Protein backbone atom coordinates (compact mmCIF):
# COMPACT_ATOMS: atom_id res chain seq x y z
CA MET A 1 5.59 109.56 111.91
CA GLY A 2 7.14 106.14 111.61
CA VAL A 3 6.07 102.56 111.09
CA PHE A 4 3.00 101.01 112.67
CA PHE A 5 2.37 97.33 113.26
CA GLY A 6 -0.13 94.99 114.80
CA GLU A 7 0.23 92.98 118.00
CA LYS A 8 0.56 89.78 115.99
CA ASP A 9 3.80 91.14 114.48
CA MET A 10 5.52 91.69 117.83
CA MET A 11 8.82 89.97 118.48
CA THR A 12 9.79 88.55 121.85
CA TYR A 13 12.66 90.34 123.57
CA ARG A 14 15.08 87.57 122.64
CA GLU A 15 14.01 87.81 119.00
CA ALA A 16 14.23 91.61 119.08
CA GLU A 17 17.74 91.64 120.54
CA ALA A 18 18.90 89.03 118.03
CA TYR A 19 17.48 91.09 115.18
CA ILE A 20 19.14 94.36 116.22
CA LYS A 21 22.47 92.58 116.80
CA ARG A 22 22.35 90.74 113.50
CA SER A 23 25.05 91.81 111.06
CA TYR A 24 24.50 91.12 107.40
CA ASP A 25 28.10 91.06 106.23
CA GLN A 26 30.28 90.96 109.37
CA VAL A 27 32.07 94.08 108.07
CA ILE A 28 32.10 97.52 109.69
CA ARG A 29 30.67 99.91 107.10
CA LEU A 30 31.06 103.56 107.96
CA GLY A 31 28.96 106.22 106.25
CA LEU A 32 25.64 108.00 106.81
CA SER A 33 23.63 107.08 103.71
CA ARG A 34 21.89 104.03 105.20
CA MET A 35 21.31 105.83 108.49
CA LYS A 36 19.61 108.77 106.80
CA VAL A 37 17.29 106.49 104.84
CA LEU A 38 16.43 104.46 107.93
CA LEU A 39 15.69 107.49 110.08
CA ASP A 40 13.61 109.08 107.34
CA LYS A 41 11.41 105.98 107.29
CA LEU A 42 11.08 106.26 111.09
CA GLY A 43 10.02 109.90 111.01
CA ASN A 44 13.46 111.38 111.84
CA PRO A 45 13.13 111.14 115.64
CA GLN A 46 16.58 112.70 116.10
CA ASN A 47 15.24 116.04 114.88
CA SER A 48 13.07 116.30 118.01
CA LEU A 49 16.00 115.93 120.41
CA LYS A 50 18.81 118.06 121.87
CA PHE A 51 22.24 116.44 122.16
CA ILE A 52 25.59 116.51 123.90
CA HIS A 53 27.69 114.64 121.31
CA VAL A 54 30.91 113.04 122.61
CA ALA A 55 33.78 111.75 120.44
CA GLY A 56 37.46 110.94 121.03
CA THR A 57 39.57 107.91 121.88
CA ASN A 58 39.64 107.42 125.66
CA GLY A 59 37.30 108.88 128.26
CA LYS A 60 34.14 109.18 126.16
CA GLY A 61 32.11 106.84 128.33
CA SER A 62 33.21 108.39 131.63
CA VAL A 63 32.45 111.91 130.38
CA CYS A 64 29.03 110.73 129.17
CA ALA A 65 28.26 109.00 132.47
CA MET A 66 29.23 111.99 134.63
CA THR A 67 27.36 114.46 132.41
CA ALA A 68 24.19 112.35 132.31
CA GLN A 69 24.24 111.85 136.08
CA ILE A 70 24.56 115.58 136.74
CA LEU A 71 21.76 116.41 134.30
CA GLN A 72 19.52 113.82 135.90
CA CYS A 73 20.26 115.27 139.35
CA ALA A 74 19.41 118.72 137.95
CA GLY A 75 15.92 117.47 137.08
CA TYR A 76 16.27 116.99 133.32
CA GLN A 77 14.79 114.02 131.52
CA THR A 78 18.12 112.67 130.35
CA GLY A 79 18.83 110.09 127.67
CA LEU A 80 22.15 108.26 127.53
CA PHE A 81 23.45 106.20 124.61
CA THR A 82 26.85 104.51 125.01
CA SER A 83 28.79 101.55 123.65
CA PRO A 84 30.10 98.89 123.88
CA VAL A 85 27.83 96.78 126.06
CA ILE A 86 29.22 95.65 129.41
CA PHE A 87 26.47 93.62 131.11
CA ASP A 88 23.12 93.85 129.32
CA TYR A 89 22.39 94.85 125.73
CA ARG A 90 19.70 97.25 126.94
CA GLU A 91 22.18 99.31 128.98
CA GLN A 92 22.97 101.28 125.81
CA PHE A 93 19.51 102.84 126.00
CA GLN A 94 19.01 104.65 129.30
CA VAL A 95 16.73 107.41 130.51
CA ASN A 96 17.47 108.87 133.93
CA GLY A 97 19.75 105.96 134.73
CA GLU A 98 17.20 103.25 133.91
CA MET A 99 17.60 100.81 131.03
CA ILE A 100 14.87 100.52 128.44
CA SER A 101 12.35 97.82 129.39
CA LYS A 102 12.27 94.58 127.42
CA GLU A 103 8.74 95.40 126.28
CA ASP A 104 9.70 98.84 124.94
CA PHE A 105 12.84 97.46 123.32
CA SER A 106 10.87 94.74 121.54
CA ARG A 107 8.19 97.17 120.37
CA LEU A 108 10.67 99.72 119.02
CA ALA A 109 12.85 97.01 117.47
CA GLN A 110 9.79 95.95 115.50
CA SER A 111 9.49 99.49 114.10
CA VAL A 112 13.18 99.45 113.16
CA LYS A 113 12.78 96.02 111.54
CA GLN A 114 9.85 97.08 109.40
CA ALA A 115 11.73 100.18 108.25
CA CYS A 116 14.83 98.11 107.45
CA GLU A 117 12.78 95.68 105.37
CA GLN A 118 11.92 98.57 103.05
CA MET A 119 15.60 99.31 102.37
CA ASP A 120 17.77 97.91 99.58
CA ASP A 121 20.97 98.30 101.63
CA PRO A 122 20.42 96.72 105.09
CA PRO A 123 21.70 98.79 108.05
CA SER A 124 24.36 97.49 110.42
CA GLU A 125 23.84 96.49 114.04
CA PHE A 126 25.13 99.84 115.29
CA GLU A 127 22.93 101.80 112.89
CA LYS A 128 19.86 99.88 114.04
CA ALA A 129 20.79 100.44 117.69
CA VAL A 130 21.23 104.18 117.20
CA ALA A 131 17.89 104.41 115.41
CA LEU A 132 16.17 102.53 118.22
CA ALA A 133 17.79 104.87 120.75
CA PHE A 134 16.50 107.96 118.94
CA LEU A 135 12.98 106.49 118.83
CA TYR A 136 13.11 105.72 122.55
CA PHE A 137 14.47 109.10 123.60
CA ARG A 138 11.84 110.90 121.55
CA GLU A 139 9.11 108.74 123.04
CA CYS A 140 10.41 109.54 126.56
CA HIS A 141 10.39 113.29 125.78
CA CYS A 142 14.04 113.66 126.80
CA ASP A 143 15.17 117.21 127.47
CA LEU A 144 18.77 116.32 126.65
CA VAL A 145 20.49 113.24 125.22
CA VAL A 146 24.12 112.41 125.97
CA LEU A 147 25.26 110.62 122.81
CA GLU A 148 28.55 108.72 122.56
CA VAL A 149 30.14 108.30 119.15
CA GLY A 150 30.79 104.69 118.17
CA MET A 151 33.88 105.08 115.97
CA GLY A 152 35.50 108.18 114.56
CA GLY A 153 32.98 110.94 113.97
CA THR A 154 32.51 111.99 110.35
CA ASP A 155 30.98 108.71 109.18
CA ASP A 156 29.70 107.40 112.50
CA ALA A 157 25.98 106.60 112.63
CA THR A 158 25.43 109.07 115.48
CA ASN A 159 26.62 111.93 113.27
CA VAL A 160 23.27 112.23 111.49
CA ILE A 161 22.21 114.75 114.12
CA GLY A 162 22.25 118.49 113.49
CA THR A 163 24.29 120.96 115.50
CA PRO A 164 24.31 119.67 119.11
CA GLU A 165 24.06 121.84 122.18
CA VAL A 166 27.68 120.89 122.81
CA ALA A 167 30.13 118.78 120.79
CA VAL A 168 32.84 117.21 122.94
CA ILE A 169 36.14 115.71 121.81
CA VAL A 170 38.11 113.93 124.52
CA THR A 171 41.76 112.98 124.10
CA ILE A 172 42.56 111.56 120.66
CA ASP A 173 45.12 108.79 120.32
CA PHE A 174 45.93 105.91 117.97
CA ASP A 175 43.04 103.46 117.65
CA HIS A 176 40.98 101.91 114.84
CA MET A 177 43.72 102.94 112.39
CA GLY A 178 42.33 100.62 109.72
CA PHE A 179 39.24 102.83 109.55
CA LEU A 180 40.40 106.25 110.74
CA GLY A 181 43.95 106.65 109.42
CA ASP A 182 47.56 105.99 110.34
CA THR A 183 48.48 109.41 111.73
CA LEU A 184 47.05 111.45 114.58
CA SER A 185 46.13 114.19 112.11
CA GLN A 186 44.13 111.75 109.97
CA ILE A 187 42.38 110.31 113.02
CA ALA A 188 41.67 113.82 114.33
CA GLN A 189 40.14 114.78 110.99
CA LYS A 190 37.65 111.94 111.36
CA LYS A 191 36.87 112.77 114.98
CA ALA A 192 36.43 116.44 114.09
CA GLY A 193 33.60 115.42 111.80
CA ILE A 194 31.14 115.94 114.67
CA ILE A 195 31.89 119.69 114.59
CA LYS A 196 28.91 121.41 112.98
CA ASP A 197 28.30 124.93 111.68
CA ALA A 198 28.22 127.58 114.43
CA GLY A 199 28.46 124.92 117.12
CA THR A 200 30.12 124.90 120.54
CA VAL A 201 33.06 122.51 120.81
CA ILE A 202 34.84 121.43 123.99
CA THR A 203 38.14 119.58 123.82
CA ALA A 204 40.34 117.83 126.35
CA ARG A 205 44.16 117.95 126.13
CA GLN A 206 45.42 117.07 122.69
CA GLU A 207 48.71 116.62 120.87
CA ILE A 208 49.78 119.65 118.82
CA GLU A 209 48.86 118.10 115.46
CA VAL A 210 45.44 117.12 116.78
CA MET A 211 44.69 120.56 118.21
CA ASP A 212 45.74 122.09 114.90
CA VAL A 213 43.09 120.01 113.10
CA LEU A 214 40.41 120.94 115.63
CA GLU A 215 41.25 124.64 115.45
CA LYS A 216 41.17 124.68 111.65
CA THR A 217 37.89 122.77 111.56
CA CYS A 218 36.29 125.14 114.04
CA ASP A 219 37.49 128.13 112.01
CA THR A 220 36.01 126.66 108.84
CA LYS A 221 32.71 125.85 110.58
CA HIS A 222 32.60 129.13 112.53
CA ALA A 223 32.36 127.07 115.68
CA ARG A 224 33.47 128.13 119.16
CA LEU A 225 36.35 126.02 120.52
CA ILE A 226 36.87 125.74 124.27
CA LYS A 227 40.01 124.02 125.56
CA THR A 228 39.97 122.38 128.97
CA SER A 229 42.83 121.47 131.26
CA ALA A 230 43.24 119.07 134.15
CA ASP A 231 45.04 121.96 135.90
CA SER A 232 41.59 123.28 136.82
CA ILE A 233 41.14 120.21 139.05
CA GLN A 234 43.04 120.55 142.33
CA VAL A 235 42.99 117.17 144.07
CA LYS A 236 42.79 117.25 147.87
CA GLU A 237 42.40 113.53 148.61
CA LYS A 238 42.38 110.36 146.56
CA SER A 239 42.07 106.66 147.22
CA LEU A 240 40.66 103.57 145.60
CA ASN A 241 37.26 104.73 146.93
CA GLY A 242 37.30 107.88 144.81
CA GLN A 243 38.66 111.40 145.14
CA CYS A 244 37.95 114.87 146.46
CA PHE A 245 38.99 118.02 144.62
CA ASP A 246 38.38 121.72 144.01
CA TYR A 247 37.49 123.04 140.58
CA VAL A 248 39.11 126.41 139.91
CA LYS A 249 38.99 127.83 136.41
CA LYS A 250 40.23 131.29 135.46
CA ASN A 251 38.48 132.90 132.52
CA GLY A 252 39.72 136.42 131.98
CA LYS A 253 38.76 138.43 135.03
CA CYS A 254 36.19 135.85 136.10
CA MET A 255 36.87 132.75 138.14
CA LYS A 256 34.63 129.72 138.47
CA GLN A 257 35.11 127.78 141.70
CA LEU A 258 33.60 124.66 143.17
CA GLN A 259 35.18 123.38 146.35
CA GLN A 260 35.29 119.94 147.96
CA ILE A 261 33.72 118.00 145.08
CA THR A 262 33.63 114.27 145.73
CA LEU A 263 33.96 112.04 142.67
CA SER A 264 33.02 108.40 143.19
CA LEU A 265 35.38 107.24 140.41
CA PRO A 266 39.08 106.71 141.25
CA GLY A 267 41.89 107.34 138.79
CA ASP A 268 43.87 110.42 137.86
CA HIS A 269 42.51 110.24 134.31
CA GLN A 270 39.05 110.95 135.74
CA CYS A 271 40.24 114.40 136.84
CA GLU A 272 40.88 115.25 133.21
CA ASN A 273 37.45 113.92 132.32
CA ALA A 274 35.90 115.93 135.17
CA ALA A 275 37.42 119.14 133.78
CA VAL A 276 35.67 118.43 130.48
CA VAL A 277 32.38 117.68 132.24
CA PHE A 278 32.45 120.93 134.23
CA GLN A 279 32.98 122.85 131.00
CA ILE A 280 30.02 121.04 129.43
CA ILE A 281 27.86 122.12 132.37
CA GLU A 282 29.08 125.71 132.08
CA CYS A 283 28.15 125.78 128.39
CA LEU A 284 24.72 124.31 129.06
CA ASN A 285 24.13 126.94 131.73
CA GLU A 286 25.00 129.61 129.17
CA LYS A 287 22.53 128.07 126.72
CA GLY A 288 19.63 128.28 129.15
CA TYR A 289 19.82 124.98 131.00
CA PRO A 290 20.07 125.88 134.71
CA ILE A 291 22.24 123.37 136.59
CA SER A 292 22.96 124.06 140.25
CA ASP A 293 26.16 123.43 142.16
CA GLU A 294 24.16 121.01 144.29
CA ALA A 295 23.25 118.95 141.20
CA ILE A 296 26.91 118.87 140.19
CA ARG A 297 27.94 117.65 143.65
CA GLU A 298 25.22 115.02 143.76
CA GLY A 299 25.96 113.78 140.25
CA MET A 300 29.71 113.52 140.67
CA GLY A 301 29.34 111.78 144.02
CA SER A 302 26.89 109.16 142.77
CA VAL A 303 28.11 108.35 139.24
CA HIS A 304 29.02 104.73 138.54
CA TRP A 305 30.88 103.61 135.44
CA PRO A 306 32.03 99.97 135.39
CA GLY A 307 35.23 98.69 133.86
CA ARG A 308 37.28 101.89 134.12
CA PHE A 309 39.88 101.39 136.86
CA GLU A 310 37.05 99.78 138.80
CA VAL A 311 37.84 98.27 142.18
CA VAL A 312 35.54 95.24 142.45
CA SER A 313 37.17 93.91 145.63
CA LYS A 314 39.61 95.24 148.20
CA ASP A 315 40.38 91.98 150.00
CA PRO A 316 41.76 90.56 147.84
CA LEU A 317 42.41 93.63 145.70
CA VAL A 318 40.81 93.11 142.29
CA ILE A 319 40.75 95.85 139.66
CA ILE A 320 39.04 95.69 136.26
CA ASP A 321 40.07 98.17 133.59
CA GLY A 322 38.85 98.02 130.01
CA ALA A 323 41.98 99.82 128.74
CA HIS A 324 42.35 98.62 125.15
CA ASN A 325 44.81 100.96 123.41
CA PRO A 326 48.18 102.53 124.30
CA ASP A 327 46.75 105.75 125.75
CA GLY A 328 44.32 103.82 127.94
CA ILE A 329 47.07 101.48 129.08
CA ARG A 330 49.30 104.44 129.97
CA ALA A 331 46.50 105.78 132.15
CA LEU A 332 46.15 102.38 133.84
CA SER A 333 49.91 102.18 134.39
CA HIS A 334 49.92 105.64 135.94
CA ASN A 335 47.01 104.79 138.22
CA LEU A 336 48.64 101.58 139.45
CA GLN A 337 51.75 103.55 140.30
CA GLU A 338 49.80 106.31 142.04
CA TYR A 339 47.19 104.26 143.88
CA CYS A 340 49.13 101.04 144.51
CA PRO A 341 52.78 102.14 144.86
CA GLY A 342 55.27 99.30 145.06
CA GLU A 343 52.64 96.61 144.41
CA THR A 344 52.89 93.88 141.80
CA PHE A 345 49.89 92.21 140.20
CA LEU A 346 48.71 89.05 138.60
CA PHE A 347 47.28 90.36 135.34
CA ILE A 348 44.35 88.84 133.49
CA ALA A 349 45.03 89.91 129.90
CA GLY A 350 42.59 89.64 127.00
CA ILE A 351 43.27 91.84 123.97
CA LEU A 352 41.85 92.26 120.46
CA LYS A 353 44.28 91.23 117.75
CA ASP A 354 43.88 94.48 115.79
CA LYS A 355 45.21 96.55 118.72
CA ASP A 356 48.81 97.61 119.37
CA TYR A 357 49.13 94.79 121.87
CA HIS A 358 52.95 94.74 122.02
CA GLU A 359 52.99 98.36 123.21
CA MET A 360 50.17 97.67 125.66
CA LEU A 361 51.82 94.62 127.18
CA LYS A 362 55.22 96.30 127.54
CA GLU A 363 53.58 99.07 129.56
CA MET A 364 52.30 96.53 132.08
CA LEU A 365 55.48 94.50 132.56
CA PRO A 366 56.98 96.66 135.37
CA PHE A 367 53.92 95.86 137.52
CA ALA A 368 53.63 92.19 136.60
CA ASP A 369 54.24 89.26 138.91
CA SER A 370 52.51 86.90 136.51
CA PHE A 371 49.84 86.69 133.80
CA VAL A 372 46.72 84.68 133.07
CA THR A 373 45.48 85.07 129.50
CA ILE A 374 41.95 84.94 128.10
CA ALA A 375 40.23 85.48 124.76
CA ALA A 376 38.07 88.61 124.91
CA ASP A 377 34.38 88.11 124.06
CA ASN A 378 34.67 89.46 120.51
CA PRO A 379 35.35 87.93 117.07
CA ARG A 380 38.45 90.16 116.78
CA ALA A 381 40.00 88.78 119.97
CA MET A 382 43.46 87.23 120.20
CA SER A 383 43.33 83.66 121.40
CA ALA A 384 44.50 83.12 124.96
CA ARG A 385 47.52 81.22 123.64
CA ALA A 386 48.43 83.96 121.15
CA CYS A 387 48.19 86.52 123.95
CA ALA A 388 50.53 84.41 126.08
CA GLU A 389 53.00 84.20 123.20
CA ALA A 390 52.88 87.98 122.79
CA ILE A 391 53.68 88.42 126.49
CA ARG A 392 56.70 86.14 126.13
CA ALA A 393 57.79 88.02 123.00
CA CYS A 394 57.86 91.23 125.05
CA GLY A 395 60.58 89.71 127.24
CA PHE A 396 58.53 88.62 130.24
CA ASP A 397 60.10 85.57 131.88
CA GLY A 398 57.64 85.07 134.73
CA GLU A 399 54.64 82.75 134.94
CA VAL A 400 52.10 82.94 132.11
CA LEU A 401 49.09 80.64 132.46
CA VAL A 402 46.61 79.79 129.69
CA PRO A 403 43.38 78.38 131.18
CA THR A 404 40.69 76.81 129.04
CA ASP A 405 38.18 79.68 129.38
CA THR A 406 37.50 82.94 131.20
CA ARG A 407 35.74 81.31 134.15
CA GLN A 408 38.73 79.07 134.82
CA ALA A 409 41.06 82.03 134.29
CA VAL A 410 39.32 83.97 137.05
CA SER A 411 39.40 81.00 139.40
CA VAL A 412 43.11 80.39 138.78
CA ALA A 413 43.98 84.07 139.04
CA LEU A 414 42.22 84.59 142.38
CA GLN A 415 43.72 81.43 143.83
CA ARG A 416 47.29 82.24 142.75
CA ALA A 417 47.00 85.87 143.81
CA GLN A 418 45.81 84.90 147.28
CA GLU A 419 48.67 82.40 147.61
CA LYS A 420 51.16 85.10 146.65
CA ARG A 421 49.33 87.88 148.56
CA ILE A 422 49.20 90.15 145.53
CA GLY A 423 46.41 91.93 143.69
CA VAL A 424 44.63 90.99 140.48
CA CYS A 425 44.17 93.43 137.61
CA ALA A 426 42.26 92.57 134.44
CA PHE A 427 42.80 94.70 131.32
CA GLY A 428 42.76 94.67 127.54
CA SER A 429 39.15 94.97 126.37
CA LEU A 430 35.81 96.36 127.48
CA TYR A 431 34.20 93.32 125.88
CA SER A 432 35.50 91.13 128.72
CA VAL A 433 34.31 93.29 131.61
CA GLY A 434 30.84 91.76 131.97
CA SER A 435 31.97 88.14 132.11
CA LEU A 436 34.90 88.98 134.39
CA HIS A 437 32.53 90.72 136.79
CA ALA A 438 30.17 87.76 136.90
CA PHE A 439 32.88 85.13 137.36
CA ILE A 440 34.71 87.13 140.03
CA GLN A 441 31.50 87.53 142.01
CA ASP A 442 30.76 83.81 141.68
CA GLU A 443 34.24 82.86 142.87
CA MET A 444 34.14 85.18 145.85
CA LYS A 445 30.71 83.94 146.91
CA SER A 446 31.89 80.34 146.81
CA GLU A 447 34.81 80.96 149.17
C-alpha cells in the first residue's frame, strides 16, 4: 500500500515543496504512462476515491470552488485539487476548505519522492502534485473529490482516474494551442478525453463544432450528456458585492426551482458557471448523494475564489482578474461594461508570451485610460517592456508606464489612479494574482 520510510528520511517543508516543484527538463510532457507507474508504486490511491472531474478552458476553478463549498456545507468530506497556485503552494490540496498542513505535505512528498526514485522516467511537477493529492485525499477518507484538469483532458495527469461520478466540461475556447491543437474541434477532442465509458457528462455552452465533438464522444462511450444554459439563472440583483438570482430549469414536465440564491462572486460569467454547478448537484442527488437546498444556499453565499473579477478594494476601486485568453478577456470586458458603466481604468497588464495577447489587449482598449505593465511570475511571461510595446502596436496612444518590478507597478498604478480618480484593474495571468494581492494590501496599509 505505498512506500514507507523512517523519520530520519523526512524532508523539511521547504525541501518537500522544492522537490515536488522541481522539473527535470523544463518541458511540459503530456501523457499518462509516468503517472500510471507512479501511482502503482504508491498503491493506486485514486482507486479509493470518488471524483467530480472538471475540464474546459475558462470557469473550471470557479465551478470547482462552488461545487466543493456546497458539498462541504452538505456534510461531505470534500477534497479539492486546483491549479495554478495563487498564494500558497499548499492551496492546491484542500479538504473541507483547509489546506494540507506542512507536516502532512512533507510526509506525503517523501512517499512520492521514494516512488519517483524507483522510476526510469522521472515524473513532472504536476504529476507529482496530483499523486500527492490522491494520497492525501485517500488518507483523509474523502467522500468526494473535486478534481480540476491541468491542461486538456486526454493526456492530463488527472485523467488516470476511472469513470467519475460526474465529468464536467466548461466552455472550450482557444488556449494552449501548441499542445491541444489549432482548431476548436482539435482542442475539444483533447478536452473530451475525460469522458469515460457509461459516464455522466455535463457541459456548459459550447460552439457548434465543440458540441459536435462532445456529442460524438458521448455516443461512442455510451455516456449521458447534459447541456446547461445560463438561461436557467434569472438574475434579480447584482453588484460588485455579488448577485442574487433564481434558478429555474425545465426538464420535460418537471421543473426545478431555487429562489433568491445569493452568490458571493460578482460577474455575469459566474451565472453560467452556477448553472453548471446546479446541474452537478442534481446529478449527485440522483446518484445517491443527498444535498439539501439549504446546503446549496450556504455554499453559494460563502464561496470565495480569488483572482476572478475579484474586487479587492472599493475606495479606490481595484479589481484583479486572472483572465489570460481571449474568452476570459471577453468576460472581463463584459463585466466592466455591466458593473462599471462609463468608467475608464488604469490597467496593470502582465501576459504570457504564448497567449493571443494582441487580441486580449485590443479587447481592453475601450476601457483604458492608461496602462502599467509587469512581467507575470512565470518563465513564459512577456517582459514588461515587450508588453508595453504590444499595447502600442494595438494602436493605444495613451500613457503606458514600465516600472522596474511588480511592487513598483502597484505603487505607481494606485498613485496615478487616485490622482485621476479612476479605478485600477489588473489582468493577464493567474500567476500574478498572489503578488498583486500582497503588494496592493501593503500599499493601502501604508497610506
